[in-house]
Amino acid sequence: MNNGLFISLEGPEGSGKSTIINKLYEWLAELIENKSINFFGVMKTREPGGYNNKLCEDIRNLILSDSYDIPPLTDALLFAASRSYHLESTIIPALEKNYIVLCDRFVDSSYVYQGFSTSLGVEKVIQINKLATNNILPNLTLVLMVSAEVGLERIKINNRETNKIDNKPIEYHKKIEEYYRELAKIDCNNRIHYIDANSNSINTILDNCKDVILKYIHGHK
């Protein structure tokens, strides 16, 4: 898997990942069309779930449903199963065709939500995901950091559809914010870059993301 570029976007709830991914997609597509960067195309996908991937979307609906009280180990295994299939059926084929893949969440979300924040612990979640991904990680991970207060207020203002994670108390979201900062301690490949996403200016956040991506591309292509 020598071609393509795998970029994941991470962050607490309300960090603006989906908005930024959409804008990065448009920007990268234009760069590719103008032959400013040497890639065949760009695609966006998400986790849990996946672009045009029914099995992964079915698993997403299961694990985000309020209908089940899923134990931590089962939860981590479900996320990993979805991720394994997502990689094999969607991400790897795109990378082999020299696509840029923009993924809304990947392994780091599992480290935070199923590892640091549960009794299972991050080391077990790392091991589960090493098996599920065959040690494949994004080339670049942008973590959009936002305070719990700002993130939850954005969700409320934007009237965004919520799930069981969004609806947890603010104390939980403050812990998630802390755990995202802990990721730097287990980042052995220097792939993680933190972006301040507290600003109300989408363009400022977007420009910072673009700078990191272009620096990576120019340094590796």
Protein backbone atom coordinates (compact mmCIF):
# COMPACT_ATOMS: atom_id res chain seq x y z
CA MET A 1 0.00 0.00 0.00
CA ASN A 2 2.52 2.56 -1.24
CA ASN A 3 0.12 4.92 -2.98
CA GLY A 4 -2.50 7.35 -1.80
CA LEU A 5 -2.74 9.37 1.37
CA PHE A 6 -4.79 8.35 4.40
CA ILE A 7 -5.91 11.29 6.58
CA SER A 8 -8.13 10.90 9.64
CA LEU A 9 -9.88 13.71 11.49
CA GLU A 10 -10.55 13.35 15.19
CA GLY A 11 -11.95 15.41 18.01
CA PRO A 12 -14.52 15.65 20.79
CA GLU A 13 -18.20 16.06 20.01
CA GLY A 14 -18.96 19.42 18.39
CA SER A 15 -15.40 19.97 17.19
CA GLY A 16 -16.57 20.56 13.61
CA LYS A 17 -15.00 17.49 11.99
CA SER A 18 -17.77 16.91 9.47
CA THR A 19 -17.78 20.55 8.34
CA ILE A 20 -13.99 20.63 7.99
CA ILE A 21 -13.89 17.31 6.12
CA ASN A 22 -16.42 18.58 3.58
CA LYS A 23 -14.39 21.72 2.98
CA LEU A 24 -11.10 19.80 2.79
CA TYR A 25 -12.70 17.45 0.29
CA GLU A 26 -13.64 20.34 -2.00
CA TRP A 27 -10.21 21.95 -1.66
CA LEU A 28 -8.29 18.72 -2.34
CA ALA A 29 -10.52 17.84 -5.29
CA GLU A 30 -9.71 21.22 -6.82
CA LEU A 31 -5.97 20.78 -6.25
CA ILE A 32 -6.10 17.35 -7.90
CA GLU A 33 -8.14 18.63 -10.84
CA ASN A 34 -5.63 21.44 -11.36
CA LYS A 35 -2.77 18.91 -11.06
CA SER A 36 -1.30 20.89 -8.18
CA ILE A 37 -0.89 17.60 -6.29
CA ASN A 38 -0.29 14.16 -7.77
CA PHE A 39 -3.27 12.03 -6.71
CA PHE A 40 -5.97 10.29 -8.74
CA GLY A 41 -8.85 11.54 -6.61
CA VAL A 42 -10.19 12.17 -3.11
CA MET A 43 -12.89 10.37 -1.16
CA LYS A 44 -14.45 10.94 2.25
CA THR A 45 -15.74 8.30 4.61
CA ARG A 46 -16.53 7.91 8.31
CA GLU A 47 -16.37 5.66 11.35
CA PRO A 48 -18.24 3.94 12.67
CA GLY A 49 -19.73 3.23 9.26
CA GLY A 50 -18.25 3.88 5.86
CA TYR A 51 -18.78 5.39 2.44
CA ASN A 52 -21.25 3.25 0.45
CA ASN A 53 -20.66 0.42 2.94
CA LYS A 54 -23.88 -1.18 4.17
CA LEU A 55 -22.33 -3.65 6.62
CA CYS A 56 -20.33 -0.95 8.41
CA GLU A 57 -23.34 1.38 8.50
CA ASP A 58 -25.45 -1.44 9.98
CA ILE A 59 -22.85 -1.91 12.73
CA ARG A 60 -22.85 1.86 13.28
CA ASN A 61 -26.61 1.86 13.84
CA LEU A 62 -26.24 -0.99 16.33
CA ILE A 63 -23.48 0.48 18.48
CA LEU A 64 -24.91 4.00 18.57
CA SER A 65 -28.42 2.80 19.38
CA ASP A 66 -30.01 3.54 22.75
CA SER A 67 -31.64 0.10 22.62
CA TYR A 68 -28.61 -1.77 23.95
CA ASP A 69 -26.37 -1.40 26.98
CA ILE A 70 -23.21 -2.77 25.38
CA PRO A 71 -20.31 -3.80 27.71
CA PRO A 72 -16.92 -2.16 27.02
CA LEU A 73 -15.22 -5.23 25.50
CA THR A 74 -18.16 -6.00 23.20
CA ASP A 75 -18.30 -2.34 22.20
CA ALA A 76 -14.59 -2.26 21.34
CA LEU A 77 -14.86 -5.48 19.34
CA LEU A 78 -17.84 -4.18 17.36
CA PHE A 79 -15.98 -0.99 16.47
CA ALA A 80 -12.92 -3.05 15.51
CA ALA A 81 -14.97 -5.44 13.36
CA SER A 82 -16.48 -2.53 11.48
CA ARG A 83 -13.04 -0.93 11.09
CA SER A 84 -11.49 -4.13 9.74
CA TYR A 85 -14.15 -4.47 7.05
CA HIS A 86 -14.07 -0.75 6.31
CA LEU A 87 -10.33 -0.91 5.68
CA GLU A 88 -10.48 -3.98 3.47
CA SER A 89 -13.51 -2.99 1.42
CA THR A 90 -13.27 0.81 1.20
CA ILE A 91 -10.06 2.46 2.42
CA ILE A 92 -7.31 0.17 1.12
CA PRO A 93 -8.77 -0.17 -2.41
CA ALA A 94 -8.98 3.63 -2.64
CA LEU A 95 -5.40 4.10 -1.44
CA GLU A 96 -4.17 1.52 -3.94
CA LYS A 97 -5.75 3.66 -6.68
CA ASN A 98 -3.77 6.68 -5.39
CA TYR A 99 -6.73 8.40 -3.75
CA ILE A 100 -6.59 10.71 -0.77
CA VAL A 101 -8.92 9.21 1.84
CA LEU A 102 -10.46 11.59 4.39
CA CYS A 103 -11.89 9.60 7.28
CA ASP A 104 -14.12 11.11 9.98
CA ARG A 105 -12.69 9.20 12.99
CA PHE A 106 -10.49 6.10 13.01
CA VAL A 107 -8.48 4.16 15.63
CA ASP A 108 -7.85 7.17 17.85
CA SER A 109 -11.56 7.45 18.60
CA SER A 110 -11.47 3.88 19.89
CA TYR A 111 -8.41 4.66 22.01
CA VAL A 112 -10.34 7.55 23.57
CA TYR A 113 -13.93 6.30 23.78
CA GLN A 114 -13.41 2.55 24.29
CA GLY A 115 -9.97 2.70 25.92
CA PHE A 116 -9.12 5.66 28.12
CA SER A 117 -12.73 6.28 29.13
CA THR A 118 -13.75 2.71 30.12
CA SER A 119 -12.63 -0.06 32.45
CA LEU A 120 -11.20 -1.92 29.44
CA GLY A 121 -8.20 0.40 29.25
CA VAL A 122 -6.33 1.78 26.28
CA GLU A 123 -3.69 -0.97 26.04
CA LYS A 124 -6.29 -3.66 25.35
CA VAL A 125 -8.00 -1.43 22.79
CA ILE A 126 -4.66 -0.83 21.05
CA GLN A 127 -4.09 -4.59 20.82
CA ILE A 128 -7.61 -5.23 19.50
CA ASN A 129 -7.12 -2.60 16.81
CA LYS A 130 -3.66 -3.81 15.81
CA LEU A 131 -5.29 -7.11 14.91
CA ALA A 132 -8.30 -5.48 13.22
CA THR A 133 -6.22 -3.11 11.09
CA ASN A 134 -3.14 -5.26 10.53
CA ASN A 135 -1.20 -2.30 11.99
CA ILE A 136 -2.40 0.08 9.27
CA LEU A 137 -2.67 3.64 10.58
CA PRO A 138 -3.44 6.96 8.89
CA ASN A 139 -0.48 8.80 7.41
CA LEU A 140 -1.78 11.94 9.07
CA THR A 141 -4.27 12.60 11.87
CA LEU A 142 -5.72 16.03 12.57
CA VAL A 143 -7.25 16.32 16.03
CA LEU A 144 -9.66 19.25 16.23
CA MET A 145 -9.52 20.29 19.87
CA VAL A 146 -12.53 22.03 21.35
CA SER A 147 -13.60 22.53 24.95
CA ALA A 148 -16.57 20.50 26.17
CA GLU A 149 -18.57 23.68 26.74
CA VAL A 150 -17.98 25.02 23.23
CA GLY A 151 -18.58 21.66 21.57
CA LEU A 152 -21.89 20.97 23.29
CA GLU A 153 -23.09 24.52 22.67
CA ARG A 154 -22.36 24.10 18.96
CA ILE A 155 -24.41 20.91 18.83
CA LYS A 156 -27.29 22.73 20.52
CA ILE A 157 -27.10 25.83 18.29
CA ASN A 158 -26.81 23.81 15.08
CA ASN A 159 -29.71 21.58 16.12
CA ARG A 160 -27.62 18.59 15.07
CA GLU A 161 -29.07 15.09 15.34
CA THR A 162 -27.64 13.59 18.52
CA ASN A 163 -26.74 10.07 19.66
CA LYS A 164 -26.17 8.45 23.04
CA ILE A 165 -22.61 9.80 23.27
CA ASP A 166 -23.67 13.40 22.58
CA ASN A 167 -26.27 13.14 25.33
CA LYS A 168 -23.86 12.18 28.10
CA PRO A 169 -23.28 14.76 30.91
CA ILE A 170 -20.72 17.52 30.45
CA GLU A 171 -18.36 15.88 32.96
CA TYR A 172 -18.00 12.97 30.53
CA HIS A 173 -17.19 15.32 27.65
CA LYS A 174 -14.56 17.14 29.74
CA LYS A 175 -12.86 13.78 30.32
CA ILE A 176 -12.98 13.04 26.58
CA GLU A 177 -11.24 16.37 25.94
CA GLU A 178 -8.47 15.33 28.36
CA TYR A 179 -8.15 11.88 26.81
CA TYR A 180 -7.68 13.34 23.34
CA ARG A 181 -4.64 15.18 24.67
CA GLU A 182 -3.33 11.88 26.02
CA LEU A 183 -3.12 10.53 22.46
CA ALA A 184 0.16 12.39 21.96
CA LYS A 185 1.79 10.06 24.50
CA ILE A 186 1.03 6.95 22.42
CA ASP A 187 1.70 8.47 19.00
CA CYS A 188 4.86 6.62 17.94
CA ASN A 189 4.76 7.78 14.31
CA ASN A 190 4.35 11.54 14.86
CA ARG A 191 1.19 11.43 12.74
CA ILE A 192 -1.02 13.38 15.17
CA HIS A 193 -1.36 17.15 14.82
CA TYR A 194 -3.55 19.17 17.18
CA ILE A 195 -5.66 21.96 15.69
CA ASP A 196 -7.33 24.57 17.92
CA ALA A 197 -11.00 24.35 16.94
CA ASN A 198 -12.44 26.67 19.59
CA SER A 199 -12.49 29.56 17.12
CA ASN A 200 -15.80 30.64 15.63
CA SER A 201 -13.95 31.16 12.35
CA ILE A 202 -14.24 28.01 10.23
CA ASN A 203 -11.77 29.52 7.77
CA THR A 204 -9.09 29.87 10.45
CA ILE A 205 -9.48 26.23 11.47
CA LEU A 206 -9.58 25.14 7.84
CA ASP A 207 -6.43 27.09 6.94
CA ASN A 208 -4.53 25.46 9.81
CA CYS A 209 -5.62 22.02 8.58
CA LYS A 210 -4.58 22.87 5.02
CA ASP A 211 -1.13 23.97 6.19
CA VAL A 212 -0.50 20.63 7.92
CA ILE A 213 -1.71 18.61 4.92
CA LEU A 214 0.33 20.54 2.36
CA LYS A 215 3.45 20.32 4.52
CA TYR A 216 3.00 16.55 4.69
CA ILE A 217 2.35 16.16 0.95
CA HIS A 218 5.32 18.29 -0.07
CA GLY A 219 7.54 16.37 2.34
CA HIS A 220 6.52 12.90 1.13
CA LYS A 221 5.70 13.20 -2.58
